[in-house]
Amino acid sequence: MKKYRCIPCGYIYDPAFGDPDGGTAPGTAFEDLPDDWQCPICSVGKDDFEIIEE
């Protein structure tokens, strides 16, 4: 699964870890996050994330 970086703050959403503090289980793809999911660091929405090319 692809990782995504928050453009404003640099937070990395890694599906292998999910967002446990936000209630997102490990293994959850970025595309499967709810539309109202927000960055746990700076609270921007999914539209402010970019795919990290590895």
Protein backbone atom coordinates (compact mmCIF):
# COMPACT_ATOMS: atom_id res chain seq x y z
CA MET A 1 0.00 0.00 0.00
CA LYS A 2 1.13 3.53 -0.73
CA LYS A 3 2.15 6.02 1.94
CA TYR A 4 0.87 9.58 1.93
CA ARG A 5 2.49 12.79 3.24
CA CYS A 6 0.62 15.77 4.66
CA ILE A 7 1.79 18.74 2.60
CA PRO A 8 1.47 21.38 5.36
CA CYS A 9 3.13 19.51 8.24
CA GLY A 10 4.93 16.47 6.79
CA TYR A 11 3.00 13.80 8.72
CA ILE A 12 3.23 10.42 6.98
CA TYR A 13 0.16 8.22 6.83
CA ASP A 14 1.45 4.65 6.61
CA PRO A 15 -1.31 2.09 6.11
CA ALA A 16 0.81 -0.55 7.85
CA PHE A 17 0.29 1.40 11.10
CA GLY A 18 -3.03 3.14 10.40
CA ASP A 19 -4.00 5.96 12.77
CA PRO A 20 -4.49 4.24 16.14
CA ASP A 21 -5.09 7.52 17.98
CA GLY A 22 -7.82 8.34 15.46
CA GLY A 23 -9.37 4.89 15.57
CA THR A 24 -8.04 3.67 12.20
CA ALA A 25 -6.84 0.09 12.26
CA PRO A 26 -3.51 -1.02 10.78
CA GLY A 27 -3.94 -2.20 7.20
CA THR A 28 -6.39 0.58 6.27
CA ALA A 29 -5.54 2.07 2.87
CA PHE A 30 -5.55 5.86 2.59
CA GLU A 31 -8.34 5.60 0.01
CA ASP A 32 -10.47 3.74 2.57
CA LEU A 33 -10.21 6.45 5.23
CA PRO A 34 -13.49 8.33 5.77
CA ASP A 35 -13.88 11.49 3.68
CA ASP A 36 -13.88 13.58 6.86
CA TRP A 37 -10.62 12.05 8.18
CA GLN A 38 -8.08 14.70 9.21
CA CYS A 39 -4.34 14.79 9.73
CA PRO A 40 -3.71 13.91 13.39
CA ILE A 41 -1.03 16.62 13.61
CA CYS A 42 -2.42 19.69 11.84
CA SER A 43 -6.07 18.74 11.14
CA VAL A 44 -6.12 19.31 7.37
CA GLY A 45 -8.24 17.03 5.20
CA LYS A 46 -7.29 14.23 2.83
CA ASP A 47 -7.06 16.67 -0.09
CA ASP A 48 -3.89 18.11 1.46
CA PHE A 49 -1.97 14.81 1.22
CA GLU A 50 0.30 13.60 -1.56
CA ILE A 51 1.49 10.12 -2.49
CA ILE A 52 5.06 9.37 -1.48
CA GLU A 53 6.97 7.68 -4.28
CA GLU A 54 9.25 5.00 -2.91
